[in-house]
């Protein structure tokens, strides 16, 4: 599993959702995750950093929902 795939899944995003949010073609994401191509290091870093932000937001939202119940 690639870093990008791991972080995408941790952010609970499908490939199409990630594509829409990050404006990256689905095919590019598929190629990265399938090992067909490799993103440049700076691109991978930007994608992972953005996914980390989304992850944090998702975790915070889940915690808020738990506290509300």
C-alpha atoms as a PDB file:
ATOM      1  CA  UNK A   1       0.000   0.000   0.000  1.00  0.00           C
ATOM      2  CA  UNK A   2       1.382   3.413  -0.945  1.00  0.00           C
ATOM      3  CA  UNK A   3       1.490   6.406   1.397  1.00  0.00           C
ATOM      4  CA  UNK A   4      -1.127   8.151  -0.689  1.00  0.00           C
ATOM      5  CA  UNK A   5      -3.482   5.172  -0.582  1.00  0.00           C
ATOM      6  CA  UNK A   6      -2.986   4.749   3.152  1.00  0.00           C
ATOM      7  CA  UNK A   7      -3.734   8.402   3.887  1.00  0.00           C
ATOM      8  CA  UNK A   8      -6.676   8.469   1.437  1.00  0.00           C
ATOM      9  CA  UNK A   9      -8.255   5.503   3.190  1.00  0.00           C
ATOM     10  CA  UNK A  10      -7.528   6.971   6.632  1.00  0.00           C
ATOM     11  CA  UNK A  11      -9.328  10.114   5.511  1.00  0.00           C
ATOM     12  CA  UNK A  12     -12.319   7.920   4.507  1.00  0.00           C
ATOM     13  CA  UNK A  13     -12.145   9.140   0.920  1.00  0.00           C
ATOM     14  CA  UNK A  14     -12.870   7.207  -2.224  1.00  0.00           C
ATOM     15  CA  UNK A  15     -10.661   7.840  -5.220  1.00  0.00           C
ATOM     16  CA  UNK A  16     -13.376   9.969  -6.900  1.00  0.00           C
ATOM     17  CA  UNK A  17     -13.823  12.007  -3.696  1.00  0.00           C
ATOM     18  CA  UNK A  18     -10.086  12.585  -3.443  1.00  0.00           C
ATOM     19  CA  UNK A  19     -10.027  13.496  -7.123  1.00  0.00           C
ATOM     20  CA  UNK A  20     -12.757  16.111  -6.668  1.00  0.00           C
ATOM     21  CA  UNK A  21     -11.267  17.622  -3.535  1.00  0.00           C
ATOM     22  CA  UNK A  22      -7.665  17.745  -4.722  1.00  0.00           C
ATOM     23  CA  UNK A  23      -8.340  18.268  -8.440  1.00  0.00           C
ATOM     24  CA  UNK A  24      -6.244  15.233  -9.375  1.00  0.00           C
ATOM     25  CA  UNK A  25      -7.575  12.924 -12.110  1.00  0.00           C
ATOM     26  CA  UNK A  26      -8.901   9.611 -10.781  1.00  0.00           C
ATOM     27  CA  UNK A  27      -6.675   7.800 -13.280  1.00  0.00           C
ATOM     28  CA  UNK A  28      -3.592   9.483 -11.791  1.00  0.00           C
ATOM     29  CA  UNK A  29      -4.596   8.374  -8.292  1.00  0.00           C
ATOM     30  CA  UNK A  30      -5.202   4.842  -9.585  1.00  0.00           C
ATOM     31  CA  UNK A  31      -1.780   4.818 -11.228  1.00  0.00           C
ATOM     32  CA  UNK A  32      -0.036   6.048  -8.074  1.00  0.00           C
ATOM     33  CA  UNK A  33      -1.800   3.555  -5.846  1.00  0.00           C
ATOM     34  CA  UNK A  34      -1.297   0.712  -8.309  1.00  0.00           C
ATOM     35  CA  UNK A  35       2.411   1.395  -8.663  1.00  0.00           C
ATOM     36  CA  UNK A  36       2.090   2.190 -12.374  1.00  0.00           C
ATOM     37  CA  UNK A  37       3.558   5.647 -11.824  1.00  0.00           C
ATOM     38  CA  UNK A  38       5.110   7.410  -8.863  1.00  0.00           C
ATOM     39  CA  UNK A  39       4.306  10.989  -7.910  1.00  0.00           C
ATOM     40  CA  UNK A  40       7.181  13.412  -7.565  1.00  0.00           C
ATOM     41  CA  UNK A  41       8.314  13.670  -3.945  1.00  0.00           C
ATOM     42  CA  UNK A  42       6.992  17.223  -3.544  1.00  0.00           C
ATOM     43  CA  UNK A  43       3.597  16.247  -4.976  1.00  0.00           C
ATOM     44  CA  UNK A  44       3.360  13.220  -2.701  1.00  0.00           C
ATOM     45  CA  UNK A  45       4.239  15.407   0.290  1.00  0.00           C
ATOM     46  CA  UNK A  46       1.540  17.957  -0.614  1.00  0.00           C
ATOM     47  CA  UNK A  47      -1.088  15.247  -1.123  1.00  0.00           C
ATOM     48  CA  UNK A  48      -0.228  13.486   2.144  1.00  0.00           C
ATOM     49  CA  UNK A  49      -0.197  16.789   4.064  1.00  0.00           C
ATOM     50  CA  UNK A  50      -3.636  17.675   2.707  1.00  0.00           C
ATOM     51  CA  UNK A  51      -4.954  14.231   3.578  1.00  0.00           C
ATOM     52  CA  UNK A  52      -3.556  14.578   7.094  1.00  0.00           C
ATOM     53  CA  UNK A  53      -5.561  17.780   7.507  1.00  0.00           C
ATOM     54  CA  UNK A  54      -8.700  16.014   6.297  1.00  0.00           C
ATOM     55  CA  UNK A  55      -7.993  13.119   8.645  1.00  0.00           C
ATOM     56  CA  UNK A  56      -7.706  15.437  11.622  1.00  0.00           C
ATOM     57  CA  UNK A  57     -10.960  17.146  10.669  1.00  0.00           C
ATOM     58  CA  UNK A  58     -12.767  13.789  10.299  1.00  0.00           C
ATOM     59  CA  UNK A  59     -11.493  12.578  13.679  1.00  0.00           C
ATOM     60  CA  UNK A  60     -12.574  15.805  15.361  1.00  0.00           C
ATOM     61  CA  UNK A  61     -16.041  15.523  13.804  1.00  0.00           C
ATOM     62  CA  UNK A  62     -16.431  11.916  14.972  1.00  0.00           C
ATOM     63  CA  UNK A  63     -15.340  12.868  18.496  1.00  0.00           C
ATOM     64  CA  UNK A  64     -17.867  15.744  18.563  1.00  0.00           C
ATOM     65  CA  UNK A  65     -20.630  13.371  17.488  1.00  0.00           C
ATOM     66  CA  UNK A  66     -19.682  10.926  20.246  1.00  0.00           C
ATOM     67  CA  UNK A  67     -19.855  13.701  22.831  1.00  0.00           C
ATOM     68  CA  UNK A  68     -23.267  14.835  21.539  1.00  0.00           C
ATOM     69  CA  UNK A  69     -24.784  11.390  22.130  1.00  0.00           C
END
